[in-house]
C-alpha atoms as a PDB file:
ATOM      1  CA  MET A   1       7.563  -7.835  86.027  1.00  0.00           C
ATOM      2  CA  SER A   2       7.234  -9.045  89.599  1.00  0.00           C
ATOM      3  CA  GLY A   3       8.942  -6.976  92.254  1.00  0.00           C
ATOM      4  CA  ARG A   4      11.419  -8.550  94.619  1.00  0.00           C
ATOM      5  CA  ILE A   5      13.365  -8.061  97.811  1.00  0.00           C
ATOM      6  CA  VAL A   6      16.998  -7.534  96.836  1.00  0.00           C
ATOM      7  CA  ALA A   7      18.251  -8.002 100.405  1.00  0.00           C
ATOM      8  CA  GLY A   8      17.107  -7.791 103.993  1.00  0.00           C
ATOM      9  CA  VAL A   9      19.389  -6.202 106.570  1.00  0.00           C
ATOM     10  CA  LEU A  10      19.522  -5.961 110.329  1.00  0.00           C
ATOM     11  CA  ALA A  11      20.727  -2.350 110.476  1.00  0.00           C
ATOM     12  CA  PRO A  12      21.130  -1.100 114.069  1.00  0.00           C
ATOM     13  CA  HIS A  13      20.751   2.611 114.653  1.00  0.00           C
ATOM     14  CA  PRO A  14      23.009   3.843 117.486  1.00  0.00           C
ATOM     15  CA  PRO A  15      23.403   7.568 116.778  1.00  0.00           C
ATOM     16  CA  HIS A  16      26.991   7.230 117.979  1.00  0.00           C
ATOM     17  CA  LEU A  17      27.899   5.664 114.631  1.00  0.00           C
ATOM     18  CA  VAL A  18      26.715   8.685 112.658  1.00  0.00           C
ATOM     19  CA  TYR A  19      28.413  10.966 115.193  1.00  0.00           C
ATOM     20  CA  ALA A  20      31.712   9.117 114.667  1.00  0.00           C
ATOM     21  CA  GLU A  21      31.382   9.314 110.857  1.00  0.00           C
ATOM     22  CA  ASN A  22      31.190  13.146 110.906  1.00  0.00           C
ATOM     23  CA  PRO A  23      28.829  13.563 107.935  1.00  0.00           C
ATOM     24  CA  PRO A  24      28.049  17.164 106.950  1.00  0.00           C
ATOM     25  CA  GLN A  25      24.364  16.741 107.883  1.00  0.00           C
ATOM     26  CA  ASN A  26      25.196  16.167 111.571  1.00  0.00           C
ATOM     27  CA  GLU A  27      26.216  19.128 113.742  1.00  0.00           C
ATOM     28  CA  PRO A  28      28.375  17.416 116.419  1.00  0.00           C
ATOM     29  CA  SER A  29      31.761  15.993 115.438  1.00  0.00           C
ATOM     30  CA  ALA A  30      33.902  13.197 116.850  1.00  0.00           C
ATOM     31  CA  GLU A  31      37.548  12.159 116.816  1.00  0.00           C
ATOM     32  CA  CYS A  32      36.899   8.455 116.221  1.00  0.00           C
ATOM     33  CA  GLY A  33      34.865   5.613 117.679  1.00  0.00           C
ATOM     34  CA  TRP A  34      33.014   2.313 117.180  1.00  0.00           C
ATOM     35  CA  GLU A  35      35.160   1.425 114.178  1.00  0.00           C
ATOM     36  CA  GLU A  36      34.207  -2.254 114.054  1.00  0.00           C
ATOM     37  CA  LEU A  37      30.531  -1.403 113.514  1.00  0.00           C
ATOM     38  CA  ARG A  38      31.294   1.468 111.159  1.00  0.00           C
ATOM     39  CA  TRP A  39      33.572  -0.761 109.087  1.00  0.00           C
ATOM     40  CA  GLY A  40      30.832  -3.382 109.148  1.00  0.00           C
ATOM     41  CA  TYR A  41      28.511  -0.870 107.517  1.00  0.00           C
ATOM     42  CA  GLU A  42      31.236  -0.254 104.916  1.00  0.00           C
ATOM     43  CA  ARG A  43      31.303  -3.980 104.165  1.00  0.00           C
ATOM     44  CA  LEU A  44      27.512  -3.981 103.927  1.00  0.00           C
ATOM     45  CA  ARG A  45      27.524  -1.077 101.469  1.00  0.00           C
ATOM     46  CA  ALA A  46      30.091  -2.864  99.306  1.00  0.00           C
ATOM     47  CA  SER A  47      27.906  -5.970  99.266  1.00  0.00           C
ATOM     48  CA  LEU A  48      24.759  -4.024  98.399  1.00  0.00           C
ATOM     49  CA  ALA A  49      26.550  -2.257  95.546  1.00  0.00           C
ATOM     50  CA  ARG A  50      26.467  -5.537  93.588  1.00  0.00           C
ATOM     51  CA  ASP A  51      22.773  -5.093  92.758  1.00  0.00           C
ATOM     52  CA  ASP A  52      20.752  -1.918  92.340  1.00  0.00           C
ATOM     53  CA  PHE A  53      17.459  -1.301  94.113  1.00  0.00           C
ATOM     54  CA  ASP A  54      14.595   1.151  93.691  1.00  0.00           C
ATOM     55  CA  VAL A  55      13.444   1.788  97.248  1.00  0.00           C
ATOM     56  CA  ILE A  56      14.478   1.290 100.875  1.00  0.00           C
ATOM     57  CA  VAL A  57      11.808  -0.023 103.258  1.00  0.00           C
ATOM     58  CA  VAL A  58      12.675   0.470 106.926  1.00  0.00           C
ATOM     59  CA  HIS A  59      10.873  -0.652 110.092  1.00  0.00           C
ATOM     60  CA  THR A  60      11.924   1.572 112.984  1.00  0.00           C
ATOM     61  CA  PRO A  61      11.624   1.134 116.776  1.00  0.00           C
ATOM     62  CA  HIS A  62      11.682   4.879 117.394  1.00  0.00           C
ATOM     63  CA  TRP A  63       8.472   5.848 115.656  1.00  0.00           C
ATOM     64  CA  LYS A  64       6.222   4.386 118.313  1.00  0.00           C
ATOM     65  CA  THR A  65       2.497   4.343 117.508  1.00  0.00           C
ATOM     66  CA  VAL A  66      -0.213   3.423 119.986  1.00  0.00           C
ATOM     67  CA  VAL A  67      -3.051   2.579 117.590  1.00  0.00           C
ATOM     68  CA  GLY A  68      -1.860   0.340 114.787  1.00  0.00           C
ATOM     69  CA  THR A  69       1.026   0.605 112.347  1.00  0.00           C
ATOM     70  CA  HIS A  70       1.652   3.903 110.571  1.00  0.00           C
ATOM     71  CA  PHE A  71       3.408   4.718 107.283  1.00  0.00           C
ATOM     72  CA  LEU A  72       4.844   7.980 105.963  1.00  0.00           C
ATOM     73  CA  GLY A  73       2.263   9.234 103.491  1.00  0.00           C
ATOM     74  CA  LEU A  74       3.745  12.355 101.888  1.00  0.00           C
ATOM     75  CA  PRO A  75       6.370  12.429  99.119  1.00  0.00           C
ATOM     76  CA  HIS A  76       8.887  14.648 100.916  1.00  0.00           C
ATOM     77  CA  PHE A  77      10.057  15.386 104.459  1.00  0.00           C
ATOM     78  CA  ALA A  78      12.789  17.822 105.484  1.00  0.00           C
ATOM     79  CA  SER A  79      13.738  18.994 108.968  1.00  0.00           C
ATOM     80  CA  LYS A  80      16.230  18.348 111.752  1.00  0.00           C
ATOM     81  CA  SER A  81      16.164  15.113 113.748  1.00  0.00           C
ATOM     82  CA  VAL A  82      17.495  15.318 117.307  1.00  0.00           C
ATOM     83  CA  ASP A  83      18.092  12.239 119.423  1.00  0.00           C
ATOM     84  CA  PRO A  84      16.155  12.855 122.675  1.00  0.00           C
ATOM     85  CA  ILE A  85      18.707  10.898 124.745  1.00  0.00           C
ATOM     86  CA  PHE A  86      21.872  11.963 122.936  1.00  0.00           C
ATOM     87  CA  PRO A  87      21.253  15.490 121.592  1.00  0.00           C
ATOM     88  CA  ASN A  88      24.975  16.109 122.093  1.00  0.00           C
ATOM     89  CA  LEU A  89      25.717  13.440 119.460  1.00  0.00           C
ATOM     90  CA  PHE A  90      22.908  13.576 116.922  1.00  0.00           C
ATOM     91  CA  ARG A  91      21.423  16.745 115.432  1.00  0.00           C
ATOM     92  CA  PHE A  92      20.945  15.686 111.834  1.00  0.00           C
ATOM     93  CA  THR A  93      19.468  17.803 109.042  1.00  0.00           C
ATOM     94  CA  TYR A  94      17.589  15.516 106.661  1.00  0.00           C
ATOM     95  CA  ASP A  95      15.894  15.943 103.305  1.00  0.00           C
ATOM     96  CA  LEU A  96      14.309  12.722 102.083  1.00  0.00           C
ATOM     97  CA  ASN A  97      11.808  11.390  99.583  1.00  0.00           C
ATOM     98  CA  VAL A  98       9.116   8.799 100.238  1.00  0.00           C
ATOM     99  CA  ASP A  99       7.686   6.182  97.882  1.00  0.00           C
ATOM    100  CA  VAL A 100       4.083   6.947  98.794  1.00  0.00           C
ATOM    101  CA  ASP A 101       2.637   4.443  96.328  1.00  0.00           C
ATOM    102  CA  LEU A 102       4.498   1.549  97.922  1.00  0.00           C
ATOM    103  CA  SER A 103       3.748   2.878 101.419  1.00  0.00           C
ATOM    104  CA  ARG A 104       0.031   2.830 100.649  1.00  0.00           C
ATOM    105  CA  ALA A 105       0.265  -0.578  99.006  1.00  0.00           C
ATOM    106  CA  ILE A 106       1.886  -2.131 102.085  1.00  0.00           C
ATOM    107  CA  ALA A 107      -0.644  -0.439 104.370  1.00  0.00           C
ATOM    108  CA  GLU A 108      -3.520  -1.762 102.259  1.00  0.00           C
ATOM    109  CA  GLU A 109      -2.107  -5.303 102.177  1.00  0.00           C
ATOM    110  CA  ALA A 110      -1.653  -5.199 105.953  1.00  0.00           C
ATOM    111  CA  SER A 111      -5.171  -3.854 106.468  1.00  0.00           C
ATOM    112  CA  GLU A 112      -6.625  -6.633 104.330  1.00  0.00           C
ATOM    113  CA  ALA A 113      -4.705  -9.103 106.523  1.00  0.00           C
ATOM    114  CA  GLY A 114      -6.473  -7.741 109.611  1.00  0.00           C
ATOM    115  CA  LEU A 115      -3.965  -5.190 110.918  1.00  0.00           C
ATOM    116  CA  VAL A 116      -4.821  -1.603 111.845  1.00  0.00           C
ATOM    117  CA  THR A 117      -2.913   0.845 109.626  1.00  0.00           C
ATOM    118  CA  ARG A 118      -2.776   4.582 109.057  1.00  0.00           C
ATOM    119  CA  MET A 119      -0.949   6.972 106.725  1.00  0.00           C
ATOM    120  CA  MET A 120       1.022   9.862 108.267  1.00  0.00           C
ATOM    121  CA  THR A 121       0.176  12.962 106.222  1.00  0.00           C
ATOM    122  CA  ASN A 122       1.288  15.725 108.595  1.00  0.00           C
ATOM    123  CA  PRO A 123       3.855  17.785 106.622  1.00  0.00           C
ATOM    124  CA  ASP A 124       5.494  18.908 109.892  1.00  0.00           C
ATOM    125  CA  PHE A 125       6.044  15.361 111.141  1.00  0.00           C
ATOM    126  CA  ARG A 126       9.636  14.867 112.300  1.00  0.00           C
ATOM    127  CA  VAL A 127      11.172  11.624 111.057  1.00  0.00           C
ATOM    128  CA  ASP A 128      12.738   9.617 113.877  1.00  0.00           C
ATOM    129  CA  TYR A 129      16.458   9.127 114.361  1.00  0.00           C
ATOM    130  CA  GLY A 130      16.213   5.334 114.081  1.00  0.00           C
ATOM    131  CA  THR A 131      15.041   5.670 110.495  1.00  0.00           C
ATOM    132  CA  ILE A 132      17.606   8.305 109.613  1.00  0.00           C
ATOM    133  CA  THR A 133      20.564   6.543 111.221  1.00  0.00           C
ATOM    134  CA  ALA A 134      19.845   3.149 109.633  1.00  0.00           C
ATOM    135  CA  CYS A 135      19.214   4.675 106.199  1.00  0.00           C
ATOM    136  CA  HIS A 136      22.259   6.947 106.332  1.00  0.00           C
ATOM    137  CA  LEU A 137      24.689   4.243 107.413  1.00  0.00           C
ATOM    138  CA  THR A 138      23.323   1.808 104.819  1.00  0.00           C
ATOM    139  CA  HIS A 139      23.018   4.242 101.897  1.00  0.00           C
ATOM    140  CA  PRO A 140      24.511   7.669 102.684  1.00  0.00           C
ATOM    141  CA  ALA A 141      23.874   8.975  99.165  1.00  0.00           C
ATOM    142  CA  TRP A 142      20.187   9.476 100.048  1.00  0.00           C
ATOM    143  CA  ASP A 143      19.301   9.120  96.352  1.00  0.00           C
ATOM    144  CA  LYS A 144      16.591   6.478  96.799  1.00  0.00           C
ATOM    145  CA  PRO A 145      13.040   6.978  98.094  1.00  0.00           C
ATOM    146  CA  ILE A 146      12.175   5.268 101.338  1.00  0.00           C
ATOM    147  CA  VAL A 147       9.167   3.684 103.006  1.00  0.00           C
ATOM    148  CA  VAL A 148       9.025   4.070 106.789  1.00  0.00           C
ATOM    149  CA  ILE A 149       6.977   1.730 108.983  1.00  0.00           C
ATOM    150  CA  SER A 150       6.251   2.517 112.624  1.00  0.00           C
ATOM    151  CA  SER A 151       6.531   0.223 115.628  1.00  0.00           C
ATOM    152  CA  ASN A 152       3.169  -0.493 117.203  1.00  0.00           C
ATOM    153  CA  ARG A 153       2.803  -1.381 120.878  1.00  0.00           C
ATOM    154  CA  ALA A 154       1.586  -4.978 120.572  1.00  0.00           C
ATOM    155  CA  TYR A 155       4.639  -6.363 122.384  1.00  0.00           C
ATOM    156  CA  PHE A 156       4.077  -4.000 125.301  1.00  0.00           C
ATOM    157  CA  TYR A 157       0.282  -3.964 125.579  1.00  0.00           C
ATOM    158  CA  PHE A 158      -0.191  -7.705 124.985  1.00  0.00           C
ATOM    159  CA  SER A 159       2.841 -10.014 124.830  1.00  0.00           C
ATOM    160  CA  SER A 160       5.914 -10.824 122.788  1.00  0.00           C
ATOM    161  CA  GLU A 161       4.027 -13.716 121.219  1.00  0.00           C
ATOM    162  CA  VAL A 162       1.210 -11.420 120.052  1.00  0.00           C
ATOM    163  CA  GLY A 163       3.726  -8.869 118.802  1.00  0.00           C
ATOM    164  CA  ASP A 164       5.607 -11.497 116.819  1.00  0.00           C
ATOM    165  CA  GLN A 165       2.424 -12.721 115.147  1.00  0.00           C
ATOM    166  CA  GLU A 166       1.479  -9.178 114.118  1.00  0.00           C
ATOM    167  CA  MET A 167       4.962  -8.485 112.754  1.00  0.00           C
ATOM    168  CA  LEU A 168       5.049 -11.741 110.782  1.00  0.00           C
ATOM    169  CA  THR A 169       1.697 -10.756 109.263  1.00  0.00           C
ATOM    170  CA  LEU A 170       3.039  -7.279 108.486  1.00  0.00           C
ATOM    171  CA  GLY A 171       6.176  -8.775 106.951  1.00  0.00           C
ATOM    172  CA  ALA A 172       4.159 -11.035 104.653  1.00  0.00           C
ATOM    173  CA  ALA A 173       2.017  -8.048 103.629  1.00  0.00           C
ATOM    174  CA  THR A 174       5.190  -6.094 102.868  1.00  0.00           C
ATOM    175  CA  ARG A 175       6.458  -8.890 100.639  1.00  0.00           C
ATOM    176  CA  ARG A 176       3.175  -9.157  98.719  1.00  0.00           C
ATOM    177  CA  ALA A 177       3.044  -5.406  98.121  1.00  0.00           C
ATOM    178  CA  ILE A 178       6.626  -5.338  96.853  1.00  0.00           C
ATOM    179  CA  GLU A 179       5.990  -8.243  94.487  1.00  0.00           C
ATOM    180  CA  LYS A 180       2.905  -6.531  93.066  1.00  0.00           C
ATOM    181  CA  SER A 181       4.729  -3.203  92.708  1.00  0.00           C
ATOM    182  CA  GLY A 182       7.369  -4.498  90.288  1.00  0.00           C
ATOM    183  CA  LYS A 183      10.047  -2.705  92.333  1.00  0.00           C
ATOM    184  CA  ARG A 184      13.358  -3.887  93.742  1.00  0.00           C
ATOM    185  CA  ALA A 185      13.377  -3.225  97.478  1.00  0.00           C
ATOM    186  CA  LEU A 186      16.047  -3.180 100.158  1.00  0.00           C
ATOM    187  CA  LEU A 187      14.572  -3.942 103.597  1.00  0.00           C
ATOM    188  CA  LEU A 188      16.074  -2.607 106.846  1.00  0.00           C
ATOM    189  CA  ALA A 189      15.212  -3.745 110.360  1.00  0.00           C
ATOM    190  CA  SER A 190      16.540  -0.877 112.457  1.00  0.00           C
ATOM    191  CA  ASN A 191      17.242  -2.396 115.860  1.00  0.00           C
ATOM    192  CA  SER A 192      19.929  -3.566 118.244  1.00  0.00           C
ATOM    193  CA  LEU A 193      20.016  -7.071 119.731  1.00  0.00           C
ATOM    194  CA  SER A 194      20.641  -7.006 123.501  1.00  0.00           C
ATOM    195  CA  HIS A 195      19.753  -3.585 124.816  1.00  0.00           C
ATOM    196  CA  ARG A 196      20.753  -3.178 128.459  1.00  0.00           C
ATOM    197  CA  HIS A 197      23.051  -0.163 128.523  1.00  0.00           C
ATOM    198  CA  PHE A 198      25.185   2.057 130.705  1.00  0.00           C
ATOM    199  CA  THR A 199      23.715   5.238 132.187  1.00  0.00           C
ATOM    200  CA  GLU A 200      26.843   7.397 132.421  1.00  0.00           C
ATOM    201  CA  GLU A 201      28.627   8.797 129.386  1.00  0.00           C
ATOM    202  CA  PRO A 202      32.438   9.045 129.220  1.00  0.00           C
ATOM    203  CA  ASP A 203      34.204  12.255 128.286  1.00  0.00           C
ATOM    204  CA  PRO A 204      34.641  12.268 125.365  1.00  0.00           C
ATOM    205  CA  PRO A 205      31.767   9.970 124.345  1.00  0.00           C
ATOM    206  CA  GLU A 206      34.024   8.252 121.785  1.00  0.00           C
ATOM    207  CA  ASP A 207      36.536   7.087 124.440  1.00  0.00           C
ATOM    208  CA  MET A 208      36.657   3.427 123.443  1.00  0.00           C
ATOM    209  CA  SER A 209      38.450   2.382 126.634  1.00  0.00           C
ATOM    210  CA  ASN A 210      35.001   2.550 128.256  1.00  0.00           C
ATOM    211  CA  GLU A 211      33.167   0.524 125.604  1.00  0.00           C
ATOM    212  CA  HIS A 212      32.189  -3.113 126.172  1.00  0.00           C
ATOM    213  CA  VAL A 213      29.053  -5.226 126.257  1.00  0.00           C
ATOM    214  CA  TYR A 214      27.012  -4.601 129.409  1.00  0.00           C
ATOM    215  CA  ASN A 215      27.117  -8.164 130.756  1.00  0.00           C
ATOM    216  CA  HIS A 216      28.126 -11.687 129.817  1.00  0.00           C
ATOM    217  CA  ASN A 217      24.558 -13.011 129.798  1.00  0.00           C
ATOM    218  CA  GLN A 218      23.413 -10.682 127.060  1.00  0.00           C
ATOM    219  CA  TYR A 219      26.585 -11.373 125.066  1.00  0.00           C
ATOM    220  CA  LEU A 220      25.840 -15.113 125.177  1.00  0.00           C
ATOM    221  CA  TRP A 221      22.300 -14.439 123.973  1.00  0.00           C
ATOM    222  CA  ASP A 222      23.563 -12.242 121.130  1.00  0.00           C
ATOM    223  CA  MET A 223      26.005 -14.934 120.026  1.00  0.00           C
ATOM    224  CA  HIS A 224      23.271 -17.574 120.115  1.00  0.00           C
ATOM    225  CA  VAL A 225      20.955 -15.431 117.992  1.00  0.00           C
ATOM    226  CA  LEU A 226      23.710 -14.659 115.481  1.00  0.00           C
ATOM    227  CA  GLN A 227      24.562 -18.342 115.208  1.00  0.00           C
ATOM    228  CA  LEU A 228      20.933 -19.136 114.382  1.00  0.00           C
ATOM    229  CA  MET A 229      21.042 -16.462 111.678  1.00  0.00           C
ATOM    230  CA  ARG A 230      24.295 -17.831 110.252  1.00  0.00           C
ATOM    231  CA  GLU A 231      22.786 -21.327 110.141  1.00  0.00           C
ATOM    232  CA  GLY A 232      19.526 -20.218 108.495  1.00  0.00           C
ATOM    233  CA  LYS A 233      17.451 -21.263 111.517  1.00  0.00           C
ATOM    234  CA  THR A 234      15.028 -18.349 111.484  1.00  0.00           C
ATOM    235  CA  ARG A 235      12.008 -20.381 112.595  1.00  0.00           C
ATOM    236  CA  GLN A 236      13.902 -21.427 115.702  1.00  0.00           C
ATOM    237  CA  LEU A 237      14.895 -17.792 116.182  1.00  0.00           C
ATOM    238  CA  ILE A 238      11.259 -16.677 116.118  1.00  0.00           C
ATOM    239  CA  ASP A 239      10.295 -19.522 118.469  1.00  0.00           C
ATOM    240  CA  GLU A 240      12.928 -18.319 120.938  1.00  0.00           C
ATOM    241  CA  MET A 241      12.324 -14.594 120.383  1.00  0.00           C
ATOM    242  CA  PRO A 242      10.153 -14.068 123.511  1.00  0.00           C
ATOM    243  CA  ASP A 243      12.894 -15.563 125.705  1.00  0.00           C
ATOM    244  CA  PHE A 244      15.558 -13.472 123.980  1.00  0.00           C
ATOM    245  CA  ILE A 245      13.510 -10.312 124.476  1.00  0.00           C
ATOM    246  CA  GLU A 246      12.992 -11.052 128.161  1.00  0.00           C
ATOM    247  CA  HIS A 247      16.469 -12.225 129.139  1.00  0.00           C
ATOM    248  CA  ALA A 248      18.584  -9.876 127.010  1.00  0.00           C
ATOM    249  CA  ILE A 249      16.269  -6.835 127.308  1.00  0.00           C
ATOM    250  CA  SER A 250      16.326  -6.955 123.525  1.00  0.00           C
ATOM    251  CA  GLU A 251      15.186  -4.126 121.282  1.00  0.00           C
ATOM    252  CA  CYS A 252      13.559  -6.849 119.201  1.00  0.00           C
ATOM    253  CA  ASN A 253      10.518  -6.076 121.361  1.00  0.00           C
ATOM    254  CA  ASP A 254       9.718  -3.339 118.847  1.00  0.00           C
ATOM    255  CA  GLY A 255       9.211  -5.912 116.115  1.00  0.00           C
ATOM    256  CA  SER A 256      11.668  -4.836 113.435  1.00  0.00           C
ATOM    257  CA  LEU A 257      13.614  -8.093 113.194  1.00  0.00           C
ATOM    258  CA  THR A 258      10.500 -10.272 113.278  1.00  0.00           C
ATOM    259  CA  TRP A 259       8.953  -8.107 110.530  1.00  0.00           C
ATOM    260  CA  LEU A 260      12.077  -8.611 108.417  1.00  0.00           C
ATOM    261  CA  ILE A 261      12.069 -12.384 108.894  1.00  0.00           C
ATOM    262  CA  GLY A 262       8.387 -12.453 107.944  1.00  0.00           C
ATOM    263  CA  ALA A 263       9.037 -10.367 104.837  1.00  0.00           C
ATOM    264  CA  LEU A 264      11.813 -12.761 103.809  1.00  0.00           C
ATOM    265  CA  ASP A 265       9.462 -15.709 104.487  1.00  0.00           C
ATOM    266  CA  PHE A 266      11.685 -17.350 107.121  1.00  0.00           C
ATOM    267  CA  PRO A 267      14.952 -17.492 105.171  1.00  0.00           C
ATOM    268  CA  THR A 268      16.749 -20.822 105.437  1.00  0.00           C
ATOM    269  CA  TRP A 269      19.940 -19.664 103.742  1.00  0.00           C
ATOM    270  CA  PRO A 270      22.868 -18.454 105.897  1.00  0.00           C
ATOM    271  CA  ALA A 271      22.948 -14.786 106.806  1.00  0.00           C
ATOM    272  CA  THR A 272      26.159 -12.787 106.460  1.00  0.00           C
ATOM    273  CA  VAL A 273      27.243 -11.107 109.694  1.00  0.00           C
ATOM    274  CA  HIS A 274      29.242  -8.057 108.643  1.00  0.00           C
ATOM    275  CA  ALA A 275      30.011  -6.911 112.195  1.00  0.00           C
ATOM    276  CA  TYR A 276      29.114  -7.203 115.865  1.00  0.00           C
ATOM    277  CA  GLY A 277      29.987  -4.635 118.501  1.00  0.00           C
ATOM    278  CA  SER A 278      28.749  -2.780 121.538  1.00  0.00           C
ATOM    279  CA  VAL A 279      27.544   0.797 121.861  1.00  0.00           C
ATOM    280  CA  ILE A 280      27.141   2.016 125.460  1.00  0.00           C
ATOM    281  CA  GLY A 281      26.900  -1.664 126.374  1.00  0.00           C
ATOM    282  CA  THR A 282      24.183  -2.674 123.911  1.00  0.00           C
ATOM    283  CA  GLY A 283      24.810  -5.496 121.434  1.00  0.00           C
ATOM    284  CA  ASN A 284      24.616  -4.491 117.776  1.00  0.00           C
ATOM    285  CA  ALA A 285      25.026  -6.641 114.679  1.00  0.00           C
ATOM    286  CA  ILE A 286      24.994  -5.729 110.996  1.00  0.00           C
ATOM    287  CA  VAL A 287      23.509  -8.755 109.259  1.00  0.00           C
ATOM    288  CA  GLU A 288      22.554  -9.271 105.613  1.00  0.00           C
ATOM    289  CA  TRP A 289      20.180 -11.808 104.120  1.00  0.00           C
ATOM    290  CA  ARG A 290      20.486 -11.939 100.359  1.00  0.00           C
ATOM    291  CA  PRO A 291      17.966 -14.267  98.676  1.00  0.00           C
ATOM    292  CA  PRO A 292      19.688 -17.087  96.742  1.00  0.00           C
ATOM    293  CA  GLN A 293      18.756 -15.630  93.342  1.00  0.00           C
ATOM    294  CA  GLU A 294      20.463 -12.371  94.392  1.00  0.00           C
ATOM    295  CA  ALA A 295      23.606 -13.952  95.890  1.00  0.00           C
END
């Protein structure tokens, strides 16, 4: 049986959302906060519950690799993940399983397509908070194995255009590997949209009277990008991605969203926007693409 992508999700990873949820794995606790985005993740989870999946594949901006794209290559990782910018909000004890077979298969497909890949087999490697936040908010049961893909530096060392081409190639390789595996996969692109943010934190951090998008320009860009998603215009979105990255200081410069669009083979069906909201001024959207046969 051919494997398939059950759904692709833009799953932003502000640690503030986990902090506000107060899960037992996270040491700090909050009174409230960022409800619109947290409720958006609730709506996403309800949508995903309609169809089971075997594995979660996540591309994360916060595992940054200089030489090529890396994949977790051991079956189990357990430690504590601490956000380097917000250690007061995110100190999360994780215990997760990895689908090493699918990780290797994607790496091999990508290598055959001309990309540099490597398997991470250091048992003491600490999994990044972008991976953990996106996975926890999407599927807090943690009962599925995951595949974690790093963010290489092509956008930074070369250009946004070069980075997009590499991520589209990586996305296509991901799709081929999933189809050959016979597994049902949920794909997560763990990034925000606009990413200019405030530099001073309110007391308490969850004081929502201080929360709003950083500026009107980046809000307009976010709305334009979301409209393209809702209209199924992903090729136009990729064409405009370099401008979006430059003008909105977008976290898409780590490649997660472009990888997802490549894996979904430029979806032309409308995406479902479950929520949009700001976290310390950054624009974040929870967006689901469900292939027509899965809808």
